[in-house]
Amino acid sequence: MYASDKEAADALVKKYQLLKSEVRKVIVGQENIVHDTLLAIFSKGHVLLVGVPGLAKTLLVNTIGKVLGLSFSRIQFTPDLMPSDIIGTEILDETRHFKFIKGPVFANIILADEINRTPPKTQAALLEAMQEKMITVAGQSHRLSEPFFVLATQNPIEQEGTYPLPEAQLDRFMFNLWLDYPSFEEEIEVVKNTTTGKDEQPKTIMTADEIAYFQQLVRRVPVADNVYEYAVGLVSKTRPNTPSAHDWTNKYISWGAGPRASQYLIIGAKANALLNGKYSPDIEDVQAVALPILRHRLVRNYTAEAENISIENIIQKLM
């Protein structure tokens, strides 16, 4: 596709700027969320998006799907949702043979809306698909379309009757992103754009094949040893009662991050470097992705809660 990796890296920067400008036609503000979501797609990671209702989470995913030229499915998670409602089911056709009807998980981008509103059995069906990139029904395996990206949302309020994701399942998400309210000026622009009949349609900038190519390019980015050591050292500091543990870790953390955090720190740093026009990541690139990668992998203890020490405070201290 490109003569060299350097040429491909330069092309990715241009494509990324175009992607952002197309997304901006529809989404006002949220620059960091857009950046991190695109970064996760190029890193082959999944995103858990936490935010109150009405902050355009669905619109964001739909828009990114359009500009990347990918198919999009939205699954509204409810307490009565069954695994077959996500992955598909077998039916008896008119010739009395079983025929597999694909579920909404057979798309490139899946928006799993309010994933904590559905029981663990249904959550596990989606999380298996995220990990294995395939599903098994009646002993038959079915591969999912590539690229495959899950953006799951959670509402931080109204936790009654919800099924919080277990730590092992949270670990499958590369990023945990917190969506905040827009600023006063941004909200005025949102209201102007959405109450005047103005209908901006973003253009498609990439194809699925190009995304797959850039995902492989991210994997090929060279990394200096000191960056590897920084990433693994940072994750080691989060594990209480180990030789590398930081004082704050022993005081405020009951469980630290596993090796998957170190892997994601390096892959995220590689993608962040490429999107910023660099050919190799440095320690600043690791720090740029550390908060959303570590946020859902550390478990605070009672002392941290009593003293009102947030996970963000602890991660900043460790960096």
C-alpha atoms as a PDB file:
ATOM      1  CA  MET A   1       0.000   0.000   0.000  1.00  0.00           C
ATOM      2  CA  TYR A   2       2.878   2.362   0.851  1.00  0.00           C
ATOM      3  CA  ALA A   3       6.537   2.174  -0.242  1.00  0.00           C
ATOM      4  CA  SER A   4       7.871   2.301   3.336  1.00  0.00           C
ATOM      5  CA  ASP A   5       6.684   2.431   6.947  1.00  0.00           C
ATOM      6  CA  LYS A   6       7.890   6.053   7.147  1.00  0.00           C
ATOM      7  CA  GLU A   7       5.675   6.991   4.181  1.00  0.00           C
ATOM      8  CA  ALA A   8       2.745   5.109   5.784  1.00  0.00           C
ATOM      9  CA  ALA A   9       3.309   6.927   9.114  1.00  0.00           C
ATOM     10  CA  ASP A  10       3.227  10.309   7.327  1.00  0.00           C
ATOM     11  CA  ALA A  11       0.040   9.261   5.492  1.00  0.00           C
ATOM     12  CA  LEU A  12      -1.586   8.244   8.800  1.00  0.00           C
ATOM     13  CA  VAL A  13      -0.999  11.736  10.273  1.00  0.00           C
ATOM     14  CA  LYS A  14      -2.764  13.326   7.258  1.00  0.00           C
ATOM     15  CA  LYS A  15      -5.633  10.819   7.418  1.00  0.00           C
ATOM     16  CA  TYR A  16      -5.980  11.411  11.167  1.00  0.00           C
ATOM     17  CA  GLN A  17      -6.306  15.196  10.667  1.00  0.00           C
ATOM     18  CA  LEU A  18      -8.987  14.583   8.002  1.00  0.00           C
ATOM     19  CA  LEU A  19     -10.823  12.148  10.308  1.00  0.00           C
ATOM     20  CA  LYS A  20     -10.848  14.717  13.113  1.00  0.00           C
ATOM     21  CA  SER A  21     -12.143  17.513  10.870  1.00  0.00           C
ATOM     22  CA  GLU A  22     -14.983  15.274   9.573  1.00  0.00           C
ATOM     23  CA  VAL A  23     -15.945  14.192  13.105  1.00  0.00           C
ATOM     24  CA  ARG A  24     -15.887  17.864  14.157  1.00  0.00           C
ATOM     25  CA  LYS A  25     -18.666  18.604  11.640  1.00  0.00           C
ATOM     26  CA  VAL A  26     -21.017  16.594  13.877  1.00  0.00           C
ATOM     27  CA  ILE A  27     -19.407  16.424  17.333  1.00  0.00           C
ATOM     28  CA  VAL A  28     -18.676  19.706  19.132  1.00  0.00           C
ATOM     29  CA  GLY A  29     -15.681  19.662  21.502  1.00  0.00           C
ATOM     30  CA  GLN A  30     -14.714  16.343  23.178  1.00  0.00           C
ATOM     31  CA  GLU A  31     -11.294  16.535  21.414  1.00  0.00           C
ATOM     32  CA  ASN A  32      -9.625  14.154  23.888  1.00  0.00           C
ATOM     33  CA  ILE A  33     -12.428  11.583  23.658  1.00  0.00           C
ATOM     34  CA  VAL A  34     -12.291  11.613  19.826  1.00  0.00           C
ATOM     35  CA  HIS A  35      -8.481  11.308  19.902  1.00  0.00           C
ATOM     36  CA  ASP A  36      -8.518   8.437  22.409  1.00  0.00           C
ATOM     37  CA  THR A  37     -11.319   6.566  20.594  1.00  0.00           C
ATOM     38  CA  LEU A  38      -9.460   6.736  17.254  1.00  0.00           C
ATOM     39  CA  LEU A  39      -6.220   5.810  19.043  1.00  0.00           C
ATOM     40  CA  ALA A  40      -7.937   2.698  20.515  1.00  0.00           C
ATOM     41  CA  ILE A  41      -9.205   1.658  17.047  1.00  0.00           C
ATOM     42  CA  PHE A  42      -5.703   1.910  15.541  1.00  0.00           C
ATOM     43  CA  SER A  43      -4.357  -0.019  18.579  1.00  0.00           C
ATOM     44  CA  LYS A  44      -6.966  -2.821  18.157  1.00  0.00           C
ATOM     45  CA  GLY A  45      -8.321  -2.013  21.621  1.00  0.00           C
ATOM     46  CA  HIS A  46     -11.837  -1.562  23.035  1.00  0.00           C
ATOM     47  CA  VAL A  47     -13.189   1.413  24.994  1.00  0.00           C
ATOM     48  CA  LEU A  48     -15.404   1.740  28.061  1.00  0.00           C
ATOM     49  CA  LEU A  49     -17.043   5.183  27.979  1.00  0.00           C
ATOM     50  CA  VAL A  50     -18.473   6.520  31.232  1.00  0.00           C
ATOM     51  CA  GLY A  51     -20.788   9.521  31.154  1.00  0.00           C
ATOM     52  CA  VAL A  52     -24.249  10.747  32.090  1.00  0.00           C
ATOM     53  CA  PRO A  53     -27.043  10.439  29.476  1.00  0.00           C
ATOM     54  CA  GLY A  54     -27.320  13.007  26.694  1.00  0.00           C
ATOM     55  CA  LEU A  55     -23.616  13.647  26.047  1.00  0.00           C
ATOM     56  CA  ALA A  56     -23.765  12.293  22.438  1.00  0.00           C
ATOM     57  CA  LYS A  57     -22.070   8.948  23.099  1.00  0.00           C
ATOM     58  CA  THR A  58     -24.149   7.153  20.431  1.00  0.00           C
ATOM     59  CA  LEU A  59     -23.692  10.009  17.960  1.00  0.00           C
ATOM     60  CA  LEU A  60     -19.926   9.937  18.524  1.00  0.00           C
ATOM     61  CA  VAL A  61     -19.641   6.212  17.742  1.00  0.00           C
ATOM     62  CA  ASN A  62     -21.993   6.450  14.775  1.00  0.00           C
ATOM     63  CA  THR A  63     -20.008   9.380  13.333  1.00  0.00           C
ATOM     64  CA  ILE A  64     -16.660   7.609  13.798  1.00  0.00           C
ATOM     65  CA  GLY A  65     -18.144   4.544  12.081  1.00  0.00           C
ATOM     66  CA  LYS A  66     -19.179   6.695   9.092  1.00  0.00           C
ATOM     67  CA  VAL A  67     -15.830   8.485   8.667  1.00  0.00           C
ATOM     68  CA  LEU A  68     -13.971   5.159   8.922  1.00  0.00           C
ATOM     69  CA  GLY A  69     -16.309   3.486   6.409  1.00  0.00           C
ATOM     70  CA  LEU A  70     -17.251   0.733   8.890  1.00  0.00           C
ATOM     71  CA  SER A  71     -20.536  -1.030   9.638  1.00  0.00           C
ATOM     72  CA  PHE A  72     -22.129  -0.027  12.933  1.00  0.00           C
ATOM     73  CA  SER A  73     -24.452  -1.814  15.392  1.00  0.00           C
ATOM     74  CA  ARG A  74     -26.019  -0.455  18.545  1.00  0.00           C
ATOM     75  CA  ILE A  75     -27.112  -2.888  21.247  1.00  0.00           C
ATOM     76  CA  GLN A  76     -29.196  -1.490  24.097  1.00  0.00           C
ATOM     77  CA  PHE A  77     -28.384  -3.619  27.135  1.00  0.00           C
ATOM     78  CA  THR A  78     -31.399  -4.391  29.346  1.00  0.00           C
ATOM     79  CA  PRO A  79     -31.989  -6.871  32.200  1.00  0.00           C
ATOM     80  CA  ASP A  80     -33.917  -9.255  29.885  1.00  0.00           C
ATOM     81  CA  LEU A  81     -31.329  -9.302  27.048  1.00  0.00           C
ATOM     82  CA  MET A  82     -30.148 -12.854  26.245  1.00  0.00           C
ATOM     83  CA  PRO A  83     -26.742 -13.897  24.786  1.00  0.00           C
ATOM     84  CA  SER A  84     -28.527 -15.046  21.577  1.00  0.00           C
ATOM     85  CA  ASP A  85     -29.883 -11.485  21.132  1.00  0.00           C
ATOM     86  CA  ILE A  86     -26.253 -10.360  20.688  1.00  0.00           C
ATOM     87  CA  ILE A  87     -24.445 -13.195  18.928  1.00  0.00           C
ATOM     88  CA  GLY A  88     -27.324 -14.650  16.897  1.00  0.00           C
ATOM     89  CA  THR A  89     -29.311 -17.865  16.944  1.00  0.00           C
ATOM     90  CA  GLU A  90     -30.033 -21.008  14.925  1.00  0.00           C
ATOM     91  CA  ILE A  91     -33.472 -21.419  13.369  1.00  0.00           C
ATOM     92  CA  LEU A  92     -35.088 -24.266  11.464  1.00  0.00           C
ATOM     93  CA  ASP A  93     -35.589 -23.169   7.850  1.00  0.00           C
ATOM     94  CA  GLU A  94     -38.220 -24.400   5.388  1.00  0.00           C
ATOM     95  CA  THR A  95     -35.966 -27.320   4.306  1.00  0.00           C
ATOM     96  CA  ARG A  96     -35.878 -28.437   7.975  1.00  0.00           C
ATOM     97  CA  HIS A  97     -32.165 -27.625   8.298  1.00  0.00           C
ATOM     98  CA  PHE A  98     -30.691 -25.416  10.990  1.00  0.00           C
ATOM     99  CA  LYS A  99     -29.607 -22.044   9.701  1.00  0.00           C
ATOM    100  CA  PHE A 100     -27.553 -19.501  11.688  1.00  0.00           C
ATOM    101  CA  ILE A 101     -29.005 -15.986  11.812  1.00  0.00           C
ATOM    102  CA  LYS A 102     -26.246 -13.504  12.689  1.00  0.00           C
ATOM    103  CA  GLY A 103     -26.778 -11.137  15.604  1.00  0.00           C
ATOM    104  CA  PRO A 104     -25.789  -7.448  15.839  1.00  0.00           C
ATOM    105  CA  VAL A 105     -22.266  -8.389  17.015  1.00  0.00           C
ATOM    106  CA  PHE A 106     -21.416  -9.095  13.339  1.00  0.00           C
ATOM    107  CA  ALA A 107     -20.475  -5.483  12.579  1.00  0.00           C
ATOM    108  CA  ASN A 108     -17.170  -3.578  12.659  1.00  0.00           C
ATOM    109  CA  ILE A 109     -18.135  -1.126  15.417  1.00  0.00           C
ATOM    110  CA  ILE A 110     -20.420  -2.200  18.266  1.00  0.00           C
ATOM    111  CA  LEU A 111     -21.940   0.315  20.648  1.00  0.00           C
ATOM    112  CA  ALA A 112     -22.824  -1.645  23.796  1.00  0.00           C
ATOM    113  CA  ASP A 113     -25.114   0.873  25.450  1.00  0.00           C
ATOM    114  CA  GLU A 114     -25.285   0.667  29.264  1.00  0.00           C
ATOM    115  CA  ILE A 115     -23.432  -2.649  29.467  1.00  0.00           C
ATOM    116  CA  ASN A 116     -23.884  -2.716  33.264  1.00  0.00           C
ATOM    117  CA  ARG A 117     -27.703  -3.019  32.897  1.00  0.00           C
ATOM    118  CA  THR A 118     -27.579  -6.641  31.696  1.00  0.00           C
ATOM    119  CA  PRO A 119     -26.835  -9.868  33.652  1.00  0.00           C
ATOM    120  CA  PRO A 120     -23.301 -11.383  33.667  1.00  0.00           C
ATOM    121  CA  LYS A 121     -24.256 -14.197  31.240  1.00  0.00           C
ATOM    122  CA  THR A 122     -25.062 -11.677  28.486  1.00  0.00           C
ATOM    123  CA  GLN A 123     -22.073  -9.438  29.334  1.00  0.00           C
ATOM    124  CA  ALA A 124     -19.829 -12.525  29.043  1.00  0.00           C
ATOM    125  CA  ALA A 125     -21.152 -13.309  25.520  1.00  0.00           C
ATOM    126  CA  LEU A 126     -20.009  -9.907  24.263  1.00  0.00           C
ATOM    127  CA  LEU A 127     -16.739 -10.005  26.193  1.00  0.00           C
ATOM    128  CA  GLU A 128     -15.857 -13.417  24.691  1.00  0.00           C
ATOM    129  CA  ALA A 129     -16.436 -11.964  21.220  1.00  0.00           C
ATOM    130  CA  MET A 130     -14.152  -9.008  22.122  1.00  0.00           C
ATOM    131  CA  GLN A 131     -11.351 -11.300  23.245  1.00  0.00           C
ATOM    132  CA  GLU A 132     -11.525 -14.138  20.701  1.00  0.00           C
ATOM    133  CA  LYS A 133     -12.899 -12.159  17.683  1.00  0.00           C
ATOM    134  CA  MET A 134     -15.156 -15.174  17.083  1.00  0.00           C
ATOM    135  CA  ILE A 135     -18.275 -16.745  18.568  1.00  0.00           C
ATOM    136  CA  THR A 136     -19.406 -20.359  18.902  1.00  0.00           C
ATOM    137  CA  VAL A 137     -23.028 -21.433  18.437  1.00  0.00           C
ATOM    138  CA  ALA A 138     -24.080 -25.108  18.582  1.00  0.00           C
ATOM    139  CA  GLY A 139     -20.460 -26.217  18.217  1.00  0.00           C
ATOM    140  CA  GLN A 140     -19.892 -24.107  15.076  1.00  0.00           C
ATOM    141  CA  SER A 141     -17.372 -21.235  15.190  1.00  0.00           C
ATOM    142  CA  HIS A 142     -18.109 -18.005  13.336  1.00  0.00           C
ATOM    143  CA  ARG A 143     -15.407 -15.373  12.777  1.00  0.00           C
ATOM    144  CA  LEU A 144     -16.329 -11.737  13.354  1.00  0.00           C
ATOM    145  CA  SER A 145     -15.617  -9.087  10.737  1.00  0.00           C
ATOM    146  CA  GLU A 146     -12.297  -7.220  11.040  1.00  0.00           C
ATOM    147  CA  PRO A 147     -11.625  -4.573  12.179  1.00  0.00           C
ATOM    148  CA  PHE A 148     -13.756  -5.228  15.270  1.00  0.00           C
ATOM    149  CA  PHE A 149     -14.164  -2.515  17.882  1.00  0.00           C
ATOM    150  CA  VAL A 150     -16.451  -2.405  20.932  1.00  0.00           C
ATOM    151  CA  LEU A 151     -17.357   0.842  22.641  1.00  0.00           C
ATOM    152  CA  ALA A 152     -19.336   0.065  25.804  1.00  0.00           C
ATOM    153  CA  THR A 153     -21.035   2.823  27.771  1.00  0.00           C
ATOM    154  CA  GLN A 154     -21.848   3.042  31.462  1.00  0.00           C
ATOM    155  CA  ASN A 155     -23.973   5.590  33.261  1.00  0.00           C
ATOM    156  CA  PRO A 156     -22.201   6.607  36.522  1.00  0.00           C
ATOM    157  CA  ILE A 157     -25.503   7.525  38.232  1.00  0.00           C
ATOM    158  CA  GLU A 158     -28.477   5.273  39.134  1.00  0.00           C
ATOM    159  CA  GLN A 159     -26.529   2.162  40.077  1.00  0.00           C
ATOM    160  CA  GLU A 160     -29.580   0.369  41.574  1.00  0.00           C
ATOM    161  CA  GLY A 161     -30.344  -2.881  39.767  1.00  0.00           C
ATOM    162  CA  THR A 162     -27.141  -2.824  37.703  1.00  0.00           C
ATOM    163  CA  TYR A 163     -24.568  -5.571  37.224  1.00  0.00           C
ATOM    164  CA  PRO A 164     -21.103  -3.970  37.530  1.00  0.00           C
ATOM    165  CA  LEU A 165     -18.489  -5.566  35.257  1.00  0.00           C
ATOM    166  CA  PRO A 166     -16.086  -7.850  37.183  1.00  0.00           C
ATOM    167  CA  GLU A 167     -12.393  -6.820  37.237  1.00  0.00           C
ATOM    168  CA  ALA A 168     -11.400  -9.620  34.817  1.00  0.00           C
ATOM    169  CA  GLN A 169     -13.897  -8.318  32.260  1.00  0.00           C
ATOM    170  CA  LEU A 170     -12.977  -4.652  32.792  1.00  0.00           C
ATOM    171  CA  ASP A 171      -9.381  -5.667  32.006  1.00  0.00           C
ATOM    172  CA  ARG A 172     -10.407  -6.461  28.404  1.00  0.00           C
ATOM    173  CA  PHE A 173     -11.052  -2.788  27.704  1.00  0.00           C
ATOM    174  CA  MET A 174      -7.971  -0.856  26.642  1.00  0.00           C
ATOM    175  CA  PHE A 175      -9.324   2.540  27.767  1.00  0.00           C
ATOM    176  CA  ASN A 176     -11.778   3.786  30.363  1.00  0.00           C
ATOM    177  CA  LEU A 177     -12.764   7.276  29.189  1.00  0.00           C
ATOM    178  CA  TRP A 178     -14.781   9.752  31.269  1.00  0.00           C
ATOM    179  CA  LEU A 179     -17.042  11.994  29.213  1.00  0.00           C
ATOM    180  CA  ASP A 180     -17.610  15.401  30.782  1.00  0.00           C
ATOM    181  CA  TYR A 181     -20.253  18.090  30.272  1.00  0.00           C
ATOM    182  CA  PRO A 182     -19.508  20.519  27.401  1.00  0.00           C
ATOM    183  CA  SER A 183     -18.274  24.024  28.193  1.00  0.00           C
ATOM    184  CA  PHE A 184     -20.726  26.948  28.016  1.00  0.00           C
ATOM    185  CA  GLU A 185     -19.523  27.970  24.508  1.00  0.00           C
ATOM    186  CA  GLU A 186     -19.600  24.364  23.245  1.00  0.00           C
ATOM    187  CA  GLU A 187     -23.135  23.860  24.544  1.00  0.00           C
ATOM    188  CA  ILE A 188     -24.311  27.023  22.735  1.00  0.00           C
ATOM    189  CA  GLU A 189     -22.808  25.618  19.504  1.00  0.00           C
ATOM    190  CA  VAL A 190     -24.478  22.214  20.107  1.00  0.00           C
ATOM    191  CA  VAL A 191     -27.873  23.885  20.623  1.00  0.00           C
ATOM    192  CA  LYS A 192     -27.420  26.062  17.490  1.00  0.00           C
ATOM    193  CA  ASN A 193     -26.432  23.056  15.359  1.00  0.00           C
ATOM    194  CA  THR A 194     -29.235  20.798  16.567  1.00  0.00           C
ATOM    195  CA  THR A 195     -32.210  23.191  16.623  1.00  0.00           C
ATOM    196  CA  THR A 196     -31.944  24.823  13.184  1.00  0.00           C
ATOM    197  CA  GLY A 197     -32.450  21.885  10.804  1.00  0.00           C
ATOM    198  CA  LYS A 198     -28.755  21.964   9.861  1.00  0.00           C
ATOM    199  CA  ASP A 199     -27.711  18.425   8.887  1.00  0.00           C
ATOM    200  CA  GLU A 200     -23.976  17.910   8.431  1.00  0.00           C
ATOM    201  CA  GLN A 201     -23.067  14.536   6.929  1.00  0.00           C
ATOM    202  CA  PRO A 202     -19.432  13.507   7.481  1.00  0.00           C
ATOM    203  CA  LYS A 203     -17.494  12.035   4.528  1.00  0.00           C
ATOM    204  CA  THR A 204     -15.847   8.600   4.614  1.00  0.00           C
ATOM    205  CA  ILE A 205     -12.058   9.019   4.890  1.00  0.00           C
ATOM    206  CA  MET A 206     -10.832   5.412   5.246  1.00  0.00           C
ATOM    207  CA  THR A 207     -11.648   1.833   4.321  1.00  0.00           C
ATOM    208  CA  ALA A 208     -11.561  -1.292   6.492  1.00  0.00           C
ATOM    209  CA  ASP A 209      -8.430  -2.480   4.619  1.00  0.00           C
ATOM    210  CA  GLU A 210      -6.608   0.790   5.350  1.00  0.00           C
ATOM    211  CA  ILE A 211      -7.491   0.553   9.050  1.00  0.00           C
ATOM    212  CA  ALA A 212      -6.179  -3.042   9.181  1.00  0.00           C
ATOM    213  CA  TYR A 213      -2.964  -1.833   7.474  1.00  0.00           C
ATOM    214  CA  PHE A 214      -2.462   1.007   9.984  1.00  0.00           C
ATOM    215  CA  GLN A 215      -3.196  -1.366  12.887  1.00  0.00           C
ATOM    216  CA  GLN A 216      -0.294  -3.528  11.683  1.00  0.00           C
ATOM    217  CA  LEU A 217       1.863  -0.412  11.226  1.00  0.00           C
ATOM    218  CA  VAL A 218       1.308   0.512  14.912  1.00  0.00           C
ATOM    219  CA  ARG A 219       2.589  -2.951  15.897  1.00  0.00           C
ATOM    220  CA  ARG A 220       5.791  -2.398  13.834  1.00  0.00           C
ATOM    221  CA  VAL A 221       6.745   0.913  15.487  1.00  0.00           C
ATOM    222  CA  PRO A 222      10.166   0.537  17.198  1.00  0.00           C
ATOM    223  CA  VAL A 223      10.380   1.287  20.945  1.00  0.00           C
ATOM    224  CA  ALA A 224      13.501   2.187  22.944  1.00  0.00           C
ATOM    225  CA  ASP A 225      14.357   0.028  25.977  1.00  0.00           C
ATOM    226  CA  ASN A 226      13.966   2.944  28.417  1.00  0.00           C
ATOM    227  CA  VAL A 227      10.325   3.363  27.281  1.00  0.00           C
ATOM    228  CA  TYR A 228       9.619  -0.349  27.867  1.00  0.00           C
ATOM    229  CA  GLU A 229      11.252  -0.056  31.310  1.00  0.00           C
ATOM    230  CA  TYR A 230       9.205   3.055  32.179  1.00  0.00           C
ATOM    231  CA  ALA A 231       5.890   1.415  31.159  1.00  0.00           C
ATOM    232  CA  VAL A 232       6.537  -1.846  33.042  1.00  0.00           C
ATOM    233  CA  GLY A 233       7.968   0.107  36.017  1.00  0.00           C
ATOM    234  CA  LEU A 234       4.824   2.269  36.189  1.00  0.00           C
ATOM    235  CA  VAL A 235       2.554  -0.807  36.224  1.00  0.00           C
ATOM    236  CA  SER A 236       4.787  -2.543  38.817  1.00  0.00           C
ATOM    237  CA  LYS A 237       4.386   0.476  41.115  1.00  0.00           C
ATOM    238  CA  THR A 238       0.606  -0.129  41.202  1.00  0.00           C
ATOM    239  CA  ARG A 239       0.896  -3.574  42.844  1.00  0.00           C
ATOM    240  CA  PRO A 240       0.665  -3.356  46.647  1.00  0.00           C
ATOM    241  CA  ASN A 241       3.046  -5.315  48.889  1.00  0.00           C
ATOM    242  CA  THR A 242       5.545  -6.055  46.099  1.00  0.00           C
ATOM    243  CA  PRO A 243       9.199  -4.863  45.983  1.00  0.00           C
ATOM    244  CA  SER A 244       8.354  -2.178  43.348  1.00  0.00           C
ATOM    245  CA  ALA A 245       5.236  -0.834  45.110  1.00  0.00           C
ATOM    246  CA  HIS A 246       4.999   2.921  45.675  1.00  0.00           C
ATOM    247  CA  ASP A 247       4.206   4.165  49.239  1.00  0.00           C
ATOM    248  CA  TRP A 248       0.822   5.440  48.044  1.00  0.00           C
ATOM    249  CA  THR A 249       0.080   2.032  46.498  1.00  0.00           C
ATOM    250  CA  ASN A 250       0.600   0.219  49.807  1.00  0.00           C
ATOM    251  CA  LYS A 251      -1.519   2.832  51.557  1.00  0.00           C
ATOM    252  CA  TYR A 252      -4.421   3.294  49.124  1.00  0.00           C
ATOM    253  CA  ILE A 253      -4.616   0.371  46.638  1.00  0.00           C
ATOM    254  CA  SER A 254      -5.982  -3.111  47.335  1.00  0.00           C
ATOM    255  CA  TRP A 255      -5.355  -4.533  43.814  1.00  0.00           C
ATOM    256  CA  GLY A 256      -2.937  -3.312  41.125  1.00  0.00           C
ATOM    257  CA  ALA A 257      -2.793  -3.649  37.333  1.00  0.00           C
ATOM    258  CA  GLY A 258      -1.810  -6.876  35.532  1.00  0.00           C
ATOM    259  CA  PRO A 259       0.568  -7.419  32.568  1.00  0.00           C
ATOM    260  CA  ARG A 260      -2.147  -6.445  30.072  1.00  0.00           C
ATOM    261  CA  ALA A 261      -1.783  -2.855  31.336  1.00  0.00           C
ATOM    262  CA  SER A 262       1.933  -2.870  30.382  1.00  0.00           C
ATOM    263  CA  GLN A 263       1.098  -4.207  26.907  1.00  0.00           C
ATOM    264  CA  TYR A 264      -1.575  -1.547  26.367  1.00  0.00           C
ATOM    265  CA  LEU A 265       0.740   1.233  27.627  1.00  0.00           C
ATOM    266  CA  ILE A 266       3.293   0.335  24.934  1.00  0.00           C
ATOM    267  CA  ILE A 267       0.755  -0.154  22.120  1.00  0.00           C
ATOM    268  CA  GLY A 268      -1.083   3.043  23.134  1.00  0.00           C
ATOM    269  CA  ALA A 269       2.218   4.968  23.254  1.00  0.00           C
ATOM    270  CA  LYS A 270       3.127   3.692  19.764  1.00  0.00           C
ATOM    271  CA  ALA A 271      -0.236   4.798  18.327  1.00  0.00           C
ATOM    272  CA  ASN A 272      -0.080   8.152  20.158  1.00  0.00           C
ATOM    273  CA  ALA A 273       3.413   8.798  18.747  1.00  0.00           C
ATOM    274  CA  LEU A 274       2.273   7.995  15.176  1.00  0.00           C
ATOM    275  CA  LEU A 275      -0.838  10.207  15.402  1.00  0.00           C
ATOM    276  CA  ASN A 276       1.407  13.059  16.604  1.00  0.00           C
ATOM    277  CA  GLY A 277       3.837  12.656  13.693  1.00  0.00           C
ATOM    278  CA  LYS A 278       6.628  10.804  15.571  1.00  0.00           C
ATOM    279  CA  TYR A 279       8.219   7.568  14.361  1.00  0.00           C
ATOM    280  CA  SER A 280       8.921   6.159  17.829  1.00  0.00           C
ATOM    281  CA  PRO A 281       7.270   6.747  21.228  1.00  0.00           C
ATOM    282  CA  ASP A 282       8.956   8.341  24.227  1.00  0.00           C
ATOM    283  CA  ILE A 283       8.045   8.434  27.929  1.00  0.00           C
ATOM    284  CA  GLU A 284       5.619  11.372  27.327  1.00  0.00           C
ATOM    285  CA  ASP A 285       3.577   9.108  25.002  1.00  0.00           C
ATOM    286  CA  VAL A 286       3.293   6.474  27.755  1.00  0.00           C
ATOM    287  CA  GLN A 287       2.177   9.171  30.210  1.00  0.00           C
ATOM    288  CA  ALA A 288      -0.390  10.461  27.681  1.00  0.00           C
ATOM    289  CA  VAL A 289      -2.250   7.114  27.687  1.00  0.00           C
ATOM    290  CA  ALA A 290      -1.545   6.018  31.293  1.00  0.00           C
ATOM    291  CA  LEU A 291      -4.646   7.516  32.947  1.00  0.00           C
ATOM    292  CA  PRO A 292      -7.359   5.891  30.750  1.00  0.00           C
ATOM    293  CA  ILE A 293      -5.421   2.586  30.717  1.00  0.00           C
ATOM    294  CA  LEU A 294      -4.839   2.333  34.481  1.00  0.00           C
ATOM    295  CA  ARG A 295      -8.044   3.993  35.741  1.00  0.00           C
ATOM    296  CA  HIS A 296     -10.198   0.815  35.664  1.00  0.00           C
ATOM    297  CA  ARG A 297      -7.397  -1.585  36.597  1.00  0.00           C
ATOM    298  CA  LEU A 298      -6.645  -0.263  40.094  1.00  0.00           C
ATOM    299  CA  VAL A 299      -8.931  -0.973  43.030  1.00  0.00           C
ATOM    300  CA  ARG A 300      -8.914   1.600  45.840  1.00  0.00           C
ATOM    301  CA  ASN A 301      -9.129   0.452  49.458  1.00  0.00           C
ATOM    302  CA  TYR A 302     -11.278   1.886  52.274  1.00  0.00           C
ATOM    303  CA  THR A 303      -8.528   4.290  53.355  1.00  0.00           C
ATOM    304  CA  ALA A 304      -8.495   5.960  49.919  1.00  0.00           C
ATOM    305  CA  GLU A 305     -12.287   6.272  49.957  1.00  0.00           C
ATOM    306  CA  ALA A 306     -12.309   7.649  53.523  1.00  0.00           C
ATOM    307  CA  GLU A 307      -9.617  10.216  52.686  1.00  0.00           C
ATOM    308  CA  ASN A 308     -11.307  11.049  49.347  1.00  0.00           C
ATOM    309  CA  ILE A 309      -8.200  10.106  47.331  1.00  0.00           C
ATOM    310  CA  SER A 310      -9.306   9.403  43.737  1.00  0.00           C
ATOM    311  CA  ILE A 311      -7.770   6.871  41.340  1.00  0.00           C
ATOM    312  CA  GLU A 312      -6.665   9.854  39.204  1.00  0.00           C
ATOM    313  CA  ASN A 313      -4.771  11.357  42.197  1.00  0.00           C
ATOM    314  CA  ILE A 314      -2.993   8.032  42.775  1.00  0.00           C
ATOM    315  CA  ILE A 315      -2.030   7.553  39.089  1.00  0.00           C
ATOM    316  CA  GLN A 316      -0.669  11.137  38.892  1.00  0.00           C
ATOM    317  CA  LYS A 317       1.381  10.464  42.029  1.00  0.00           C
ATOM    318  CA  LEU A 318       2.815   7.231  40.528  1.00  0.00           C
ATOM    319  CA  MET A 319       3.818   9.058  37.320  1.00  0.00           C
END
